[in-house]
Protein backbone atom coordinates (compact mmCIF):
# COMPACT_ATOMS: atom_id res chain seq x y z
CA MET A 1 123.28 -37.92 91.01
CA GLY A 2 121.83 -41.19 92.09
CA SER A 3 123.75 -43.23 94.80
CA THR A 4 125.68 -45.87 94.14
CA SER A 5 124.55 -47.50 97.50
CA THR A 6 121.09 -48.89 98.17
CA ASN A 7 121.81 -50.66 101.28
CA ILE A 8 119.62 -48.48 104.18
CA VAL A 9 121.95 -49.57 106.67
CA GLU A 10 124.83 -47.75 104.85
CA LEU A 11 122.86 -44.91 103.74
CA LYS A 12 121.74 -44.27 107.51
CA GLN A 13 125.44 -44.15 108.65
CA GLN A 14 126.53 -41.80 105.77
CA PHE A 15 123.11 -39.64 106.59
CA LEU A 16 124.60 -39.60 110.01
CA GLU A 17 128.04 -38.85 109.15
CA TYR A 18 126.23 -35.68 106.93
CA VAL A 19 124.19 -34.33 110.18
CA GLU A 20 127.48 -34.43 112.13
CA ILE A 21 129.87 -33.15 109.92
CA GLU A 22 128.41 -31.23 107.07
CA LYS A 23 125.18 -29.50 109.24
CA GLY A 24 127.51 -29.37 112.54
CA ARG A 25 125.00 -31.12 114.33
CA SER A 26 126.27 -32.30 118.47
CA VAL A 27 127.31 -35.56 118.80
CA LYS A 28 124.19 -35.86 121.22
CA THR A 29 121.57 -35.32 118.45
CA VAL A 30 123.65 -37.52 116.19
CA GLU A 31 122.92 -40.14 118.52
CA ASN A 32 119.56 -39.61 118.75
CA TYR A 33 118.88 -39.32 115.27
CA ASP A 34 120.22 -42.97 115.14
CA HIS A 35 118.50 -44.15 117.51
CA TYR A 36 115.24 -43.00 116.16
CA LEU A 37 116.16 -44.78 112.73
CA ARG A 38 116.95 -47.57 113.87
CA ARG A 39 113.68 -48.10 115.71
CA PHE A 40 111.76 -47.30 112.47
CA LEU A 41 114.37 -49.91 110.28
CA GLU A 42 113.76 -52.35 113.01
CA PHE A 43 109.76 -52.07 113.01
CA SER A 44 109.41 -51.67 109.23
CA LYS A 45 111.74 -53.98 108.05
CA ALA A 46 113.20 -52.16 105.33
CA LYS A 47 116.33 -53.43 103.71
CA GLN A 48 116.50 -50.49 100.55
CA PRO A 49 114.92 -46.95 100.42
CA LYS A 50 112.54 -48.76 98.16
CA ASP A 51 111.23 -50.77 101.16
CA ILE A 52 110.05 -47.38 102.71
CA THR A 53 106.46 -46.90 101.72
CA GLU A 54 103.47 -44.56 102.78
CA ASN A 55 101.59 -47.79 104.34
CA SER A 56 105.26 -48.57 106.56
CA VAL A 57 105.02 -44.81 107.89
CA ARG A 58 101.45 -45.34 108.38
CA GLU A 59 101.94 -48.24 110.55
CA TYR A 60 104.97 -47.04 112.58
CA ARG A 61 103.08 -43.91 113.45
CA LEU A 62 100.05 -46.12 114.68
CA TRP A 63 103.04 -48.19 116.55
CA LEU A 64 104.41 -44.89 117.94
CA ASN A 65 101.13 -43.78 119.38
CA ARG A 66 100.88 -47.08 121.11
CA GLN A 67 104.09 -47.60 122.86
CA ASP A 68 104.31 -47.25 126.67
CA ASN A 69 106.23 -44.53 128.11
CA ARG A 70 108.14 -46.44 130.72
CA GLN A 71 109.66 -43.18 131.77
CA VAL A 72 106.72 -42.59 133.94
CA GLN A 73 105.22 -44.29 136.90
CA ASN A 74 101.51 -44.39 135.39
CA LYS A 75 103.10 -45.44 131.98
CA GLY A 76 100.62 -44.25 129.32
CA THR A 77 101.75 -43.54 125.33
CA LEU A 78 104.61 -42.02 124.18
CA LYS A 79 104.53 -38.11 124.35
CA LYS A 80 103.36 -36.54 121.31
CA LYS A 81 106.26 -34.56 121.47
CA THR A 82 108.48 -37.83 121.52
CA GLN A 83 106.69 -39.46 118.23
CA ALA A 84 107.49 -36.11 116.66
CA TYR A 85 111.29 -36.42 117.30
CA HIS A 86 111.26 -40.09 115.49
CA LEU A 87 109.27 -38.43 112.57
CA ILE A 88 111.48 -35.69 112.46
CA ALA A 89 114.58 -37.86 112.36
CA LEU A 90 113.03 -39.90 109.24
CA ARG A 91 111.71 -36.68 107.17
CA ALA A 92 115.59 -35.71 107.87
CA PHE A 93 116.81 -38.90 106.50
CA LEU A 94 114.29 -38.89 103.45
CA LYS A 95 115.15 -35.49 102.38
CA TYR A 96 118.89 -36.67 102.35
CA LEU A 97 118.09 -39.60 100.26
CA ALA A 98 115.71 -37.18 98.06
CA LYS A 99 119.09 -34.86 97.67
CA ARG A 100 121.28 -38.10 96.86
CA GLY A 101 118.99 -38.97 93.91
CA VAL A 102 117.71 -41.97 95.81
CA ALA A 103 114.17 -43.38 95.23
CA THR A 104 111.90 -43.65 98.13
CA ILE A 105 108.92 -41.69 99.02
CA SER A 106 108.85 -37.94 99.44
CA PRO A 107 109.56 -36.53 102.92
CA GLU A 108 106.33 -34.36 102.33
CA MET A 109 104.42 -37.47 103.16
CA ILE A 110 105.42 -37.32 106.62
CA GLU A 111 103.31 -35.02 108.47
CA LEU A 112 104.31 -34.07 112.12
CA PRO A 113 101.57 -34.79 114.89
CA LYS A 114 100.22 -31.32 116.39
CA ILE A 115 101.95 -30.69 119.87
CA GLY A 116 99.69 -28.81 122.47
CA GLU A 117 101.54 -25.47 123.99
CA ARG A 118 104.58 -26.39 126.21
CA HIS A 119 103.63 -26.00 130.01
CA LEU A 120 106.58 -23.72 131.65
CA ASP A 121 107.36 -24.97 135.32
CA LEU A 122 108.11 -21.42 136.54
CA ILE A 123 108.67 -20.32 140.30
CA THR A 124 107.23 -16.97 141.38
CA THR A 125 109.20 -14.09 141.99
CA GLU A 126 109.70 -14.23 145.81
CA GLU A 127 110.56 -18.08 145.29
CA LEU A 128 113.10 -16.84 143.01
CA THR A 129 114.90 -14.98 145.22
CA ARG A 130 114.61 -17.23 148.11
CA PHE A 131 116.39 -19.75 146.11
CA LEU A 132 119.06 -17.34 145.18
CA ASN A 133 119.26 -16.62 148.69
CA ALA A 134 119.58 -19.93 150.09
CA PRO A 135 123.27 -20.90 150.12
CA SER A 136 124.35 -18.39 152.65
CA GLY A 137 127.69 -19.83 154.33
CA THR A 138 131.21 -18.25 153.98
CA ASP A 139 132.45 -22.00 153.23
CA LEU A 140 133.92 -22.90 149.71
CA LYS A 141 130.91 -25.14 149.22
CA SER A 142 128.25 -22.52 149.66
CA LEU A 143 130.57 -19.83 147.90
CA ARG A 144 130.70 -21.99 145.01
CA ASP A 145 126.68 -23.12 145.12
CA LYS A 146 126.10 -19.41 145.21
CA ALA A 147 127.67 -18.59 142.08
CA ILE A 148 126.17 -21.48 139.98
CA LEU A 149 122.56 -20.13 141.17
CA GLU A 150 123.46 -16.39 140.52
CA LEU A 151 125.15 -17.61 137.01
CA LEU A 152 122.02 -19.94 135.83
CA PHE A 153 119.65 -17.02 136.62
CA SER A 154 121.97 -14.21 135.27
CA THR A 155 122.85 -16.12 132.25
CA GLY A 156 120.40 -18.44 131.19
CA LEU A 157 122.84 -21.05 130.56
CA ARG A 158 122.08 -24.86 129.90
CA VAL A 159 123.42 -26.89 132.40
CA SER A 160 125.98 -28.63 129.78
CA GLU A 161 127.13 -25.48 128.90
CA LEU A 162 127.39 -24.80 132.74
CA CYS A 163 129.52 -27.35 133.31
CA SER A 164 131.91 -26.99 130.44
CA LEU A 165 133.20 -23.75 131.66
CA SER A 166 136.44 -23.04 132.54
CA ARG A 167 137.76 -20.79 135.23
CA ASP A 168 139.80 -18.62 132.90
CA LEU A 169 136.38 -16.28 132.83
CA ASN A 170 137.72 -12.93 132.31
CA LEU A 171 136.04 -11.33 135.44
CA LYS A 172 136.99 -7.79 134.26
CA SER A 173 134.28 -7.95 131.55
CA ASP A 174 130.73 -8.29 132.09
CA GLU A 175 130.24 -10.90 129.25
CA PHE A 176 131.89 -14.16 127.53
CA SER A 177 130.98 -16.23 125.26
CA VAL A 178 129.78 -19.96 125.29
CA ARG A 179 129.65 -22.65 122.94
CA GLY A 180 125.86 -24.29 123.13
CA LYS A 181 123.97 -26.70 120.55
CA GLY A 182 125.27 -27.21 117.44
CA GLU A 183 128.56 -25.65 118.34
CA LYS A 184 126.99 -22.30 117.68
CA VAL A 185 128.90 -19.70 119.83
CA ARG A 186 126.94 -16.76 121.65
CA VAL A 187 127.55 -14.01 123.99
CA VAL A 188 125.89 -14.07 127.58
CA PHE A 189 126.08 -11.40 130.41
CA LEU A 190 127.02 -11.25 134.02
CA SER A 191 124.43 -9.66 136.44
CA PRO A 192 126.38 -7.60 139.38
CA ALA A 193 125.10 -10.18 141.75
CA ALA A 194 126.73 -13.33 139.38
CA LYS A 195 129.74 -11.32 138.54
CA GLU A 196 130.36 -10.75 142.59
CA ALA A 197 129.40 -14.37 143.68
CA LEU A 198 132.13 -15.87 141.04
CA ILE A 199 134.86 -13.55 142.23
CA THR A 200 134.22 -14.31 145.81
CA TYR A 201 134.30 -18.15 144.98
CA LEU A 202 136.91 -18.00 142.85
CA ASP A 203 139.33 -16.09 145.32
CA LYS A 204 138.49 -18.98 147.80
CA ARG A 205 139.80 -21.71 145.88
CA THR A 206 142.95 -23.23 146.57
CA ASP A 207 143.36 -25.98 143.73
CA ILE A 208 144.54 -25.77 140.14
CA ASP A 209 141.99 -27.31 138.20
CA ASP A 210 140.73 -25.70 135.03
CA ALA A 211 137.18 -26.32 135.71
CA LEU A 212 134.96 -23.49 136.88
CA PHE A 213 132.81 -25.48 139.03
CA VAL A 214 134.61 -28.36 140.48
CA LYS A 215 133.50 -30.76 143.59
CA VAL A 216 134.68 -29.60 146.93
CA ASP A 217 133.48 -32.53 149.45
CA GLY A 218 137.03 -32.62 151.33
CA LYS A 219 137.24 -36.43 150.16
CA GLU A 220 140.87 -37.75 149.27
CA ARG A 221 141.30 -37.30 145.66
CA ALA A 222 143.20 -39.83 143.48
CA GLU A 223 145.86 -38.30 140.94
CA GLY A 224 144.10 -37.11 137.60
CA GLU A 225 140.71 -37.79 138.79
CA GLU A 226 137.67 -35.75 137.20
CA LEU A 227 137.19 -32.73 139.67
CA ARG A 228 134.52 -31.35 137.57
CA LEU A 229 131.00 -30.67 138.17
CA THR A 230 128.69 -33.06 136.08
CA LYS A 231 125.42 -32.17 134.97
CA ARG A 232 123.80 -34.51 137.83
CA SER A 233 126.05 -32.99 140.39
CA ILE A 234 124.20 -29.48 139.39
CA GLU A 235 120.83 -30.91 138.95
CA ARG A 236 121.31 -32.38 142.71
CA ILE A 237 122.31 -28.47 143.71
CA VAL A 238 119.64 -26.98 142.45
CA LYS A 239 117.04 -29.50 143.73
CA HIS A 240 119.09 -29.09 147.53
CA TYR A 241 118.22 -25.23 147.57
CA ALA A 242 114.86 -25.05 146.22
CA ILE A 243 114.24 -27.06 148.96
CA LYS A 244 116.04 -25.32 151.26
CA ALA A 245 114.34 -22.32 150.19
CA GLY A 246 110.73 -24.17 151.05
CA ILE A 247 109.52 -24.52 147.18
CA SER A 248 107.33 -27.31 146.77
CA LYS A 249 107.55 -27.13 142.76
CA LYS A 250 110.61 -29.26 141.22
CA VAL A 251 113.33 -26.75 140.13
CA THR A 252 115.67 -27.32 137.82
CA PRO A 253 118.53 -25.89 135.76
CA HIS A 254 116.25 -25.76 132.67
CA VAL A 255 113.47 -24.06 135.23
CA VAL A 256 115.84 -21.20 136.38
CA ARG A 257 116.50 -20.91 132.54
CA HIS A 258 112.55 -20.16 131.81
CA CYS A 259 112.84 -17.72 134.68
CA PHE A 260 115.84 -15.95 133.28
CA ALA A 261 113.62 -15.57 129.90
CA THR A 262 110.80 -14.77 131.62
CA ASP A 263 112.06 -12.02 133.38
CA LEU A 264 113.77 -10.28 130.20
CA LEU A 265 110.35 -10.50 128.47
CA SER A 266 108.50 -9.17 131.46
CA ASN A 267 110.53 -6.10 131.64
CA GLY A 268 110.22 -5.51 127.92
CA ALA A 269 113.02 -7.33 126.02
CA ASP A 270 112.21 -8.28 122.32
CA LEU A 271 111.44 -11.70 121.80
CA ARG A 272 114.67 -11.44 119.18
CA SER A 273 116.83 -10.67 121.60
CA VAL A 274 115.84 -13.11 123.78
CA GLN A 275 116.54 -15.81 121.20
CA ALA A 276 119.91 -14.73 120.77
CA LEU A 277 120.58 -14.84 124.62
CA LEU A 278 118.89 -18.13 124.97
CA GLY A 279 120.75 -19.58 122.19
CA HIS A 280 117.70 -20.71 120.17
CA ALA A 281 118.25 -21.72 116.53
CA SER A 282 114.44 -20.76 115.68
CA ILE A 283 112.34 -17.99 117.11
CA ASN A 284 109.43 -20.64 117.26
CA THR A 285 111.07 -21.99 120.29
CA THR A 286 111.32 -18.89 122.25
CA GLN A 287 107.69 -17.68 121.30
CA MET A 288 106.48 -20.70 123.92
CA TYR A 289 107.85 -17.93 126.34
CA THR A 290 105.40 -15.09 125.53
CA HIS A 291 102.17 -16.06 126.91
CA VAL A 292 103.67 -16.02 130.36
CA THR A 293 104.56 -12.22 129.98
CA ASP A 294 101.15 -11.48 129.00
CA LYS A 295 99.84 -9.99 132.05
CA HIS A 296 100.25 -6.42 130.83
CA LEU A 297 97.81 -7.46 128.36
CA ARG A 298 94.92 -8.45 131.15
CA ASP A 299 95.95 -5.33 132.59
CA ILE A 300 95.10 -3.18 129.83
CA HIS A 301 92.33 -4.92 128.98
CA LYS A 302 90.89 -4.73 132.70
CA LYS A 303 91.62 -0.79 132.58
CA PHE A 304 90.59 0.13 128.98
CA HIS A 305 87.63 -1.92 128.10
CA SER A 306 84.49 -0.60 128.05
CA ARG A 307 82.11 -3.03 129.18
CA LYS A 308 82.73 -2.51 132.95
CA VAL A 309 79.69 -4.30 134.82
């Protein structure tokens, strides 16, 4: 059945509501879709769906490919991955219009750019051990930071998921549920080291704040002030201990998540299980870790390949 509205701004708003409510996407994802679609509509000057043509999409792709990436010092064009995000949003919008019976170009007309294999910034096992052992004090801040690092590596949590945790975790159990991307709930598991670090940290806490990880800098707090650590705070903590551990590479909470995944795969975990533990919607996302864990294939080749000289 066709739509009664042909105003593209109205249709875009209806699409964003559909993505949030019917598809269950996060508010951040909806905001990104809005940003990418507004960019296309401003460029193409489309007022109605019929104004979206193969030609306007082709010109838009050229324009995207020639944009400066102002997030890096040496500028350069937008990364292929970023360009792909713009086109994924447009294609999803066109699919929605087709579903509504609105006449415009077919979403299949939009081919996504080929993206090179993702490079993973990993640290070695020795560096990881030094990093996890870097918070060594018995004060509350050191105990908190030790618990943060151990929990990140034990669970592979995204930094946003870690920040959202409350202190009412059942530490008698070795597992708990977390709500991740797209409001999907998954189970994560605590290593003995992570469990011990959390218990030691929580035993030392004297405040009554609900958040699992809170500010402990000793400053006076105004009544009702948010104590929960932010994503930026966690990123700073991770960076601090990476430097303290003598690691020259950039280490972020997401690098620790990469280490969690590659550690599992290196020790024989199957890809589907790692996908579930990471909370990836698609196995294709998890697939990026496999080339890092193929050392055993090199060893097999070296041991069994017939040409020795």
